[in-house]
Protein backbone atom coordinates (compact mmCIF):
# COMPACT_ATOMS: atom_id res chain seq x y z
CA GLU A 1 -15.36 18.62 -15.06
CA PRO A 2 -15.96 16.17 -18.37
CA GLY A 3 -18.64 17.62 -20.66
CA GLY A 4 -17.70 21.17 -19.30
CA GLY A 5 -20.22 24.27 -19.92
CA GLU A 6 -23.71 23.49 -18.44
CA LYS A 7 -22.51 20.16 -17.25
CA ILE A 8 -20.21 21.81 -14.65
CA PRO A 9 -22.50 22.31 -11.46
CA ASP A 10 -23.42 24.96 -9.61
CA GLU A 11 -22.01 23.64 -6.29
CA PHE A 12 -19.49 20.80 -5.68
CA THR A 13 -20.08 18.43 -2.57
CA PRO A 14 -17.16 16.81 -1.47
CA SER A 15 -16.53 12.80 -1.11
CA ASP A 16 -17.98 11.12 1.78
CA TYR A 17 -15.04 8.69 1.23
CA HIS A 18 -12.88 10.25 4.18
CA LEU A 19 -15.90 10.41 6.43
CA LYS A 20 -16.62 6.79 6.19
CA ALA A 21 -13.12 5.55 6.61
CA ALA A 22 -12.90 7.77 9.63
CA GLN A 23 -16.44 6.45 10.96
CA ARG A 24 -14.99 2.54 10.25
CA ALA A 25 -12.01 3.17 12.05
CA ARG A 26 -13.96 4.95 15.13
CA ASP A 27 -16.26 1.68 14.84
CA GLU A 28 -13.42 -0.87 14.86
CA LEU A 29 -11.61 1.24 17.73
CA ALA A 30 -14.93 1.14 20.01
CA ALA A 31 -15.13 -2.59 19.46
CA LEU A 32 -11.35 -2.83 20.36
CA LEU A 33 -11.23 -1.13 23.16
CA ALA A 34 -14.77 -3.20 24.49
CA MET A 35 -12.90 -6.31 23.51
CA PRO A 36 -12.83 -9.04 26.67
CA GLU A 37 -9.01 -9.87 27.50
CA GLN A 38 -9.50 -13.37 26.13
CA GLU A 39 -10.59 -12.23 22.88
CA ARG A 40 -7.64 -9.88 22.35
CA GLU A 41 -5.40 -13.02 23.16
CA ARG A 42 -7.21 -14.69 20.16
CA ALA A 43 -7.21 -12.02 17.98
CA ALA A 44 -3.26 -11.17 18.62
CA LEU A 45 -2.70 -14.83 18.18
CA LYS A 46 -4.62 -15.09 14.76
CA SER A 47 -2.90 -11.56 13.99
CA TRP A 48 0.45 -13.04 14.20
CA ASP A 49 -0.52 -16.36 12.67
CA ASP A 50 -1.60 -14.62 9.54
CA ALA A 51 1.96 -12.52 9.57
CA GLU A 52 4.17 -15.14 9.91
CA THR A 53 2.22 -17.27 7.19
CA SER A 54 2.53 -14.32 4.87
CA ARG A 55 6.41 -13.99 5.66
CA LEU A 56 6.99 -17.61 5.12
CA MET A 57 4.74 -17.30 1.90
CA ARG A 58 6.93 -14.30 0.57
CA LEU A 59 10.42 -16.10 1.69
CA GLU A 60 9.20 -18.98 -0.52
CA ASP A 61 8.25 -17.15 -3.46
CA LYS A 62 11.57 -15.14 -3.10
CA ARG A 63 13.37 -18.72 -2.85
CA LYS A 64 11.61 -19.82 -5.95
CA GLN A 65 12.39 -16.39 -8.03
CA ARG A 66 15.96 -16.95 -6.85
CA ASP A 67 15.96 -20.64 -8.44
CA ALA A 68 14.39 -19.38 -11.76
CA TYR A 69 17.00 -16.47 -11.91
CA GLU A 70 19.92 -18.74 -11.40
CA ALA A 71 18.52 -21.02 -13.81
CA MET A 72 18.48 -18.38 -16.22
CA LEU A 73 21.92 -17.41 -15.43
CA LYS A 74 23.37 -20.83 -16.05
CA LYS A 75 22.06 -20.57 -19.60
CA VAL A 76 23.06 -17.16 -20.63
CA ASN A 77 26.66 -18.19 -19.01
CA ALA A 78 26.60 -21.28 -21.07
CA TRP A 79 25.61 -19.41 -24.43
CA THR A 80 28.17 -18.51 -26.55
CA PRO A 81 27.48 -15.23 -28.72
CA PRO A 82 27.09 -16.08 -32.27
CA THR A 83 29.38 -12.79 -33.44
CA PRO A 84 31.46 -10.63 -31.45
CA GLU A 85 28.76 -7.96 -31.95
CA HIS A 86 26.58 -10.14 -29.89
CA ALA A 87 28.96 -10.09 -27.03
CA GLY A 88 27.41 -6.88 -25.40
CA LEU A 89 24.08 -8.07 -25.59
CA HIS A 90 25.65 -11.31 -23.57
CA GLU A 91 27.31 -9.29 -21.00
CA PHE A 92 23.80 -6.87 -20.65
CA MET A 93 21.84 -10.26 -20.38
CA ARG A 94 24.01 -11.60 -17.54
CA SER A 95 24.52 -8.12 -15.70
CA GLN A 96 20.75 -7.85 -15.71
CA ILE A 97 19.78 -11.28 -14.21
CA VAL A 98 22.72 -10.55 -11.57
CA GLN A 99 21.28 -7.17 -10.81
CA SER A 100 17.59 -8.69 -10.51
CA ILE A 101 19.24 -11.30 -7.98
CA ASP A 102 20.71 -8.84 -6.03
CA PHE A 103 17.74 -6.68 -5.79
CA ASP A 104 14.85 -9.24 -5.86
CA CYS A 105 16.24 -12.00 -3.82
CA SER A 106 18.96 -10.29 -1.30
CA GLY A 107 18.65 -8.59 1.96
CA ASP A 108 17.22 -9.03 5.40
CA TYR A 109 13.65 -8.45 5.06
CA ASP A 110 11.60 -11.10 5.98
CA GLN A 111 14.22 -13.15 7.45
CA GLU A 112 13.19 -12.48 10.98
CA PRO A 113 10.10 -14.20 12.71
CA THR A 114 7.19 -12.46 13.41
CA PRO A 115 7.21 -10.92 16.77
CA ARG A 116 4.33 -12.75 19.11
CA LEU A 117 2.51 -9.96 21.12
CA THR A 118 0.24 -10.39 24.35
CA GLY A 119 -3.59 -9.19 23.61
CA GLU A 120 -2.91 -6.33 25.37
CA GLN A 121 0.44 -5.66 22.87
CA TRP A 122 -1.63 -6.42 20.14
CA ALA A 123 -4.48 -4.30 21.28
CA ALA A 124 -2.36 -1.11 21.91
CA GLU A 125 -0.76 -1.24 18.45
CA ARG A 126 -4.10 -1.89 16.96
CA ALA A 127 -5.52 1.06 18.88
CA ALA A 128 -2.32 3.71 17.74
CA HIS A 129 -3.17 2.24 14.09
CA LEU A 130 -6.51 2.93 14.24
CA ASN A 131 -6.00 6.56 15.86
CA ARG A 132 -3.80 7.64 12.89
CA ASP A 133 -6.36 6.46 10.40
CA ILE A 134 -8.87 8.47 12.34
CA GLY A 135 -6.65 11.58 12.28
CA TYR A 136 -5.50 11.01 8.34
CA HIS A 137 -9.57 10.66 7.20
CA GLU A 138 -10.40 13.51 9.40
CA LYS A 139 -7.65 15.76 7.91
CA GLU A 140 -8.34 14.60 4.72
CA HIS A 141 -11.75 15.15 4.74
CA ALA A 142 -11.14 18.82 5.76
CA ALA A 143 -9.07 18.85 3.19
CA GLU A 144 -11.72 17.67 0.39
CA VAL A 145 -14.53 19.97 1.78
CA GLN A 146 -12.02 22.99 1.38
CA ARG A 147 -10.89 22.02 -2.20
CA THR A 148 -14.86 21.73 -2.84
CA GLU A 149 -15.67 25.03 -1.38
CA SER A 150 -12.97 26.62 -3.38
CA ARG A 151 -13.92 25.49 -6.80
CA THR A 152 -17.65 26.10 -6.22
CA ALA A 153 -16.88 29.50 -5.38
CA TRP A 154 -14.46 30.08 -8.59
CA VAL A 155 -17.41 28.35 -10.65
CA LYS A 156 -19.58 30.91 -8.94
CA ALA A 157 -17.49 33.90 -9.66
CA LEU A 158 -16.69 32.68 -13.09
CA ARG A 159 -20.55 32.55 -13.87
CA SER A 160 -21.31 35.61 -12.09
CA ALA A 161 -18.68 37.54 -13.98
CA LEU A 162 -19.89 36.13 -17.47
CA ARG A 163 -23.44 36.94 -16.67
CA ALA A 164 -22.65 40.60 -16.28
């Protein structure tokens, strides 16, 4: 603990982060399960629209990035190294740009349109996600409680041994 010595508490308390996150997920799940069909349909449409807009923006960003890389590659290809010792630098620049194009601008990711879900499908996926979140946060909170209990026991045992 920062400061050490007397600044180390006698008892550690677990963070409530995971407890609160699990409760938020439970509350959202309860609201989702109570959601009327028409509202689920609207939420599914909004979710699709948000995801599709993000996908198209990522594709546009990737296109702009490719254009910038290709413009730089054109300049590098047109550059003549001033000495034979600079030839390695020239090839290195070229290979870095080509590798960046391959890594950053290729692949099928984001090529497929976002699938449209019905309100019922969207709610089922969202409920599954929330249930996973609840399980994750409950597990992490239990681990946090165990860690703080272990730390508390360790400090108490040390202090007891030092007093003896």
